[in-house]
Amino acid sequence: MIVKNIDFANELLKAEETKQAVTALTERDDQLMVEDAYRIQLETVNLKLAQGKKIIGKKVGLTSAAMQKMLNVNEPDYGHLFDDMRVENGATVKIDSLISPKVEAEIGFVLKEDLVGPNITYLDVMMATKYVVPTIEIIDSRIADWNIKLVDTVADNGSSAKVVVGEKYTELSGIDLRTNSMVLFKNNELIATGAGAAALGHPANAIAWLANKLHEFGITLKKDELILPGALSGAVVVTGGDTIEANFGALGSVTVDFE
């Protein structure tokens, strides 16, 4: 299985680099388990680190009931964020640098101290948070036609591709993230709405889950890492010429153009 994990990791990395999607792993090996998928993801992480890339954070996916139902799962998943995935607010992303992109609006957390599982709670996350920041996660699938099951998306780094980071940093005192609203615009047209409660009832719950899940693999959330706790609405397909804006009210807004 170790050899197969490495082969799949190399294949997914090549797909990302060449923009040539591959057939779902689960269609080729129906014995793959979620544990195997995380091992494949970590193999890809090691390959990227060997290329000189640096981890800048983590992302949680499948935090909404709708997404979990779609993939027939009862828990979230996660992926890694690298320095070459970060996009500045208002920047332009070339559509041909991706395969089949979609966008999700999320409340990003930046930590002021490490979070080491197990037994991390919502309160631990709140106390360890330096500030929150508006973000747009650009997701993409190296699996052809988004024909994914949980194992496929976990192996494929949680289908993560890029993260657009806003410029307004907000400390948590006096902010109720559960009810904090989000409105998502595509080409100035309102296309989705949501609130912080969409991410496991509160975004901090999703980050607590992540810290505890990572402990199973000997990984911790690090000080100054950017953590994405999950989308506040469904994913939106984007193509060249689109402009996306996510407005989080008091937390600020973030935009990205595609060409």
Protein backbone atom coordinates (compact mmCIF):
# COMPACT_ATOMS: atom_id res chain seq x y z
CA MET A 1 0.00 0.00 0.00
CA ILE A 2 2.91 2.38 0.71
CA VAL A 3 4.12 2.09 -2.89
CA LYS A 4 0.59 2.65 -4.19
CA ASN A 5 0.18 5.71 -1.96
CA ILE A 6 3.37 7.21 -3.40
CA ASP A 7 2.24 6.43 -6.94
CA PHE A 8 -1.13 8.12 -6.38
CA ALA A 9 0.57 11.11 -4.74
CA ASN A 10 2.89 11.55 -7.72
CA GLU A 11 -0.04 11.22 -10.10
CA LEU A 12 -2.09 13.88 -8.31
CA LEU A 13 0.87 16.26 -8.17
CA LYS A 14 1.48 15.78 -11.89
CA ALA A 15 -2.21 16.42 -12.59
CA GLU A 16 -1.99 19.69 -10.64
CA GLU A 17 1.15 20.77 -12.48
CA THR A 18 -0.03 19.82 -16.00
CA LYS A 19 -3.73 20.71 -15.51
CA GLN A 20 -4.63 17.26 -16.81
CA ALA A 21 -7.22 15.66 -14.52
CA VAL A 22 -7.10 11.95 -13.71
CA THR A 23 -9.68 9.23 -13.21
CA ALA A 24 -11.03 8.96 -9.66
CA LEU A 25 -8.82 6.87 -7.40
CA THR A 26 -11.87 5.07 -6.03
CA GLU A 27 -12.77 3.88 -9.51
CA ARG A 28 -9.40 2.19 -9.79
CA ASP A 29 -9.09 0.85 -6.27
CA ASP A 30 -12.29 0.28 -4.33
CA GLN A 31 -10.30 -0.90 -1.31
CA LEU A 32 -8.94 2.57 -0.54
CA MET A 33 -10.00 3.83 2.88
CA VAL A 34 -10.06 7.39 4.22
CA GLU A 35 -6.94 6.62 6.27
CA ASP A 36 -5.17 5.67 3.02
CA ALA A 37 -6.36 8.92 1.44
CA TYR A 38 -4.81 11.03 4.19
CA ARG A 39 -1.56 9.11 3.75
CA ILE A 40 -1.66 9.89 0.02
CA GLN A 41 -2.24 13.56 0.81
CA LEU A 42 0.71 13.60 3.18
CA GLU A 43 2.91 11.98 0.53
CA THR A 44 1.99 14.83 -1.82
CA VAL A 45 2.73 17.34 0.94
CA ASN A 46 6.22 15.84 1.32
CA LEU A 47 6.77 16.07 -2.45
CA LYS A 48 5.84 19.76 -2.39
CA LEU A 49 8.06 20.46 0.61
CA ALA A 50 10.92 18.80 -1.28
CA GLN A 51 10.25 21.28 -4.12
CA GLY A 52 10.84 24.13 -1.66
CA LYS A 53 7.23 25.08 -1.01
CA LYS A 54 6.20 26.08 2.51
CA ILE A 55 3.06 25.25 4.47
CA ILE A 56 1.20 28.42 5.47
CA GLY A 57 -1.90 26.81 6.95
CA LYS A 58 -4.67 24.23 6.67
CA LYS A 59 -8.23 24.08 5.40
CA VAL A 60 -11.30 22.20 6.60
CA GLY A 61 -13.86 21.03 4.08
CA LEU A 62 -17.26 19.33 4.17
CA THR A 63 -18.38 21.25 7.24
CA SER A 64 -21.90 21.87 5.95
CA ALA A 65 -24.71 19.33 6.23
CA ALA A 66 -25.42 19.70 2.50
CA MET A 67 -21.88 18.82 1.44
CA GLN A 68 -21.68 15.90 3.87
CA LYS A 69 -24.95 14.54 2.53
CA MET A 70 -23.72 14.91 -1.06
CA LEU A 71 -20.67 12.74 -0.36
CA ASN A 72 -22.49 10.50 2.12
CA VAL A 73 -20.12 11.27 5.01
CA ASN A 74 -20.63 12.33 8.60
CA GLU A 75 -17.45 14.28 9.28
CA PRO A 76 -15.36 16.99 7.59
CA ASP A 77 -12.03 16.57 5.83
CA TYR A 78 -8.90 18.72 5.59
CA GLY A 79 -6.08 19.82 3.33
CA HIS A 80 -2.85 21.82 3.45
CA LEU A 81 -2.27 25.40 2.27
CA PHE A 82 1.08 26.29 0.68
CA ASP A 83 2.77 29.62 0.08
CA ASP A 84 2.24 29.42 -3.68
CA MET A 85 -1.52 29.10 -3.12
CA ARG A 86 -1.93 32.51 -1.46
CA VAL A 87 -3.54 35.25 -3.56
CA GLU A 88 -3.73 38.88 -2.45
CA ASN A 89 -7.04 40.71 -2.18
CA GLY A 90 -8.14 42.14 -5.54
CA ALA A 91 -5.62 40.12 -7.55
CA THR A 92 -6.29 38.33 -10.83
CA VAL A 93 -6.09 34.55 -11.20
CA LYS A 94 -5.56 33.03 -14.63
CA ILE A 95 -8.26 30.47 -15.31
CA ASP A 96 -5.84 28.26 -17.26
CA SER A 97 -3.78 27.82 -14.08
CA LEU A 98 -6.65 25.65 -12.82
CA ILE A 99 -8.67 22.71 -14.11
CA SER A 100 -12.29 23.20 -13.05
CA PRO A 101 -12.37 25.91 -10.37
CA LYS A 102 -15.09 26.88 -7.93
CA VAL A 103 -15.07 29.43 -5.10
CA GLU A 104 -16.20 29.37 -1.49
CA ALA A 105 -16.36 32.21 1.05
CA GLU A 106 -14.84 31.47 4.46
CA ILE A 107 -13.86 33.26 7.67
CA GLY A 108 -10.12 32.63 7.96
CA PHE A 109 -8.47 32.27 11.36
CA VAL A 110 -4.86 33.20 12.14
CA LEU A 111 -3.44 31.69 15.31
CA LYS A 112 -1.32 33.39 17.95
CA GLU A 113 -0.20 30.09 19.45
CA ASP A 114 0.01 26.43 18.48
CA LEU A 115 -3.04 24.20 18.86
CA VAL A 116 -2.05 20.67 19.76
CA GLY A 117 -4.67 17.91 19.88
CA PRO A 118 -6.25 15.81 21.16
CA ASN A 119 -9.07 17.29 23.27
CA ILE A 120 -8.95 20.77 21.73
CA THR A 121 -12.25 22.55 22.32
CA TYR A 122 -14.11 25.49 20.79
CA LEU A 123 -12.90 27.64 23.70
CA ASP A 124 -9.27 26.64 23.12
CA VAL A 125 -9.58 27.79 19.52
CA MET A 126 -11.12 31.11 20.50
CA MET A 127 -8.35 31.78 23.01
CA ALA A 128 -5.63 30.81 20.51
CA THR A 129 -6.94 33.04 17.70
CA LYS A 130 -4.96 36.16 16.85
CA TYR A 131 -7.57 37.51 14.43
CA VAL A 132 -10.00 36.51 11.70
CA VAL A 133 -9.83 37.64 8.09
CA PRO A 134 -12.19 37.40 5.11
CA THR A 135 -11.12 34.82 2.55
CA ILE A 136 -12.21 33.20 -0.68
CA GLU A 137 -11.01 29.65 -1.14
CA ILE A 138 -10.59 28.63 -4.76
CA ILE A 139 -11.19 24.92 -4.91
CA ASP A 140 -10.27 22.68 -7.82
CA SER A 141 -10.30 18.96 -8.46
CA ARG A 142 -7.46 17.03 -10.01
CA ILE A 143 -10.07 14.27 -10.37
CA ALA A 144 -11.82 14.50 -13.74
CA ASP A 145 -15.27 16.14 -13.79
CA TRP A 146 -15.41 16.44 -9.99
CA ASN A 147 -16.34 12.75 -9.96
CA ILE A 148 -15.29 12.41 -6.34
CA LYS A 149 -16.02 10.43 -3.24
CA LEU A 150 -14.60 11.30 0.17
CA VAL A 151 -11.45 9.26 -0.43
CA ASP A 152 -10.78 11.08 -3.70
CA THR A 153 -11.07 14.60 -2.30
CA VAL A 154 -9.04 13.77 0.83
CA ALA A 155 -6.23 12.33 -1.28
CA ASP A 156 -6.43 15.41 -3.51
CA ASN A 157 -5.61 17.81 -0.65
CA GLY A 158 -9.26 18.49 0.12
CA SER A 159 -9.70 19.76 -3.47
CA SER A 160 -7.92 22.96 -2.46
CA ALA A 161 -6.15 25.16 -5.01
CA LYS A 162 -5.74 28.78 -3.85
CA VAL A 163 -6.85 31.15 -1.10
CA VAL A 164 -7.56 34.85 -1.55
CA VAL A 165 -6.84 36.71 1.70
CA GLY A 166 -8.51 39.97 2.67
CA GLU A 167 -6.79 42.94 4.25
CA LYS A 168 -8.99 43.56 7.31
CA TYR A 169 -7.93 41.75 10.47
CA THR A 170 -10.53 41.54 13.25
CA GLU A 171 -9.97 40.39 16.82
CA LEU A 172 -12.71 38.17 18.24
CA SER A 173 -13.76 40.25 21.23
CA GLY A 174 -17.34 41.43 20.75
CA ILE A 175 -17.83 39.44 17.54
CA ASP A 176 -20.41 36.63 17.28
CA LEU A 177 -19.11 34.56 14.40
CA ARG A 178 -22.16 32.27 14.44
CA THR A 179 -24.45 35.05 13.26
CA ASN A 180 -21.88 37.00 11.26
CA SER A 181 -23.30 37.24 7.75
CA MET A 182 -21.68 36.59 4.38
CA VAL A 183 -22.97 37.64 0.98
CA LEU A 184 -21.28 36.38 -2.17
CA PHE A 185 -21.42 38.28 -5.46
CA LYS A 186 -20.47 37.03 -8.93
CA ASN A 187 -20.14 39.86 -11.45
CA ASN A 188 -22.07 42.14 -9.04
CA GLU A 189 -24.97 39.68 -8.85
CA LEU A 190 -25.90 38.24 -5.46
CA ILE A 191 -25.36 34.51 -5.80
CA ALA A 192 -25.14 33.10 -2.26
CA THR A 193 -25.61 34.05 1.39
CA GLY A 194 -24.55 32.42 4.62
CA ALA A 195 -23.41 32.88 8.19
CA GLY A 196 -20.66 31.56 10.43
CA ALA A 197 -22.96 28.91 11.87
CA ALA A 198 -22.78 27.05 8.52
CA ALA A 199 -19.34 25.73 9.55
CA LEU A 200 -20.25 23.08 12.15
CA GLY A 201 -22.39 25.56 14.11
CA HIS A 202 -19.41 27.89 14.65
CA PRO A 203 -16.13 28.14 12.70
CA ALA A 204 -14.16 27.51 15.89
CA ASN A 205 -15.81 24.09 16.15
CA ALA A 206 -14.39 23.19 12.74
CA ILE A 207 -10.90 24.26 13.79
CA ALA A 208 -11.15 22.26 17.02
CA TRP A 209 -12.13 19.22 14.94
CA LEU A 210 -9.12 19.83 12.71
CA ALA A 211 -6.63 20.13 15.57
CA ASN A 212 -7.87 16.85 17.01
CA LYS A 213 -7.92 15.06 13.64
CA LEU A 214 -4.39 16.20 12.83
CA HIS A 215 -3.18 14.72 16.11
CA GLU A 216 -3.88 11.27 14.63
CA PHE A 217 -1.12 12.00 12.09
CA GLY A 218 1.33 13.70 14.42
CA ILE A 219 0.56 17.18 13.02
CA THR A 220 -0.30 20.36 14.93
CA LEU A 221 -1.75 23.73 13.98
CA LYS A 222 1.03 26.29 14.22
CA LYS A 223 1.24 29.86 15.43
CA ASP A 224 0.62 32.34 12.56
CA GLU A 225 -0.91 29.68 10.32
CA LEU A 226 -4.02 30.57 8.31
CA ILE A 227 -6.83 28.12 9.01
CA LEU A 228 -9.93 27.95 6.80
CA PRO A 229 -12.83 26.44 8.76
CA GLY A 230 -15.18 25.65 5.88
CA ALA A 231 -17.51 27.35 3.44
CA LEU A 232 -20.48 29.44 4.53
CA SER A 233 -22.46 28.53 1.39
CA GLY A 234 -22.30 26.17 -1.56
CA ALA A 235 -19.40 26.33 -4.01
CA VAL A 236 -19.82 28.57 -7.07
CA VAL A 237 -18.36 27.73 -10.49
CA VAL A 238 -16.12 30.40 -12.04
CA THR A 239 -14.77 31.01 -15.55
CA GLY A 240 -12.58 33.59 -17.25
CA GLY A 241 -13.98 37.11 -16.98
CA ASP A 242 -15.69 36.55 -13.63
CA THR A 243 -15.27 38.83 -10.62
CA ILE A 244 -16.05 37.40 -7.19
CA GLU A 245 -16.65 39.43 -4.04
CA ALA A 246 -17.38 38.02 -0.59
CA ASN A 247 -18.63 40.56 1.93
CA PHE A 248 -18.61 39.56 5.60
CA GLY A 249 -20.15 42.74 7.03
CA ALA A 250 -18.13 44.00 9.99
CA LEU A 251 -15.30 41.59 9.13
CA GLY A 252 -14.71 43.22 5.75
CA SER A 253 -14.70 41.96 2.18
CA VAL A 254 -12.40 40.21 -0.30
CA THR A 255 -12.42 40.11 -4.09
CA VAL A 256 -10.73 38.20 -6.91
CA ASP A 257 -10.86 38.43 -10.69
CA PHE A 258 -10.47 35.55 -13.14
CA GLU A 259 -9.11 35.91 -16.66
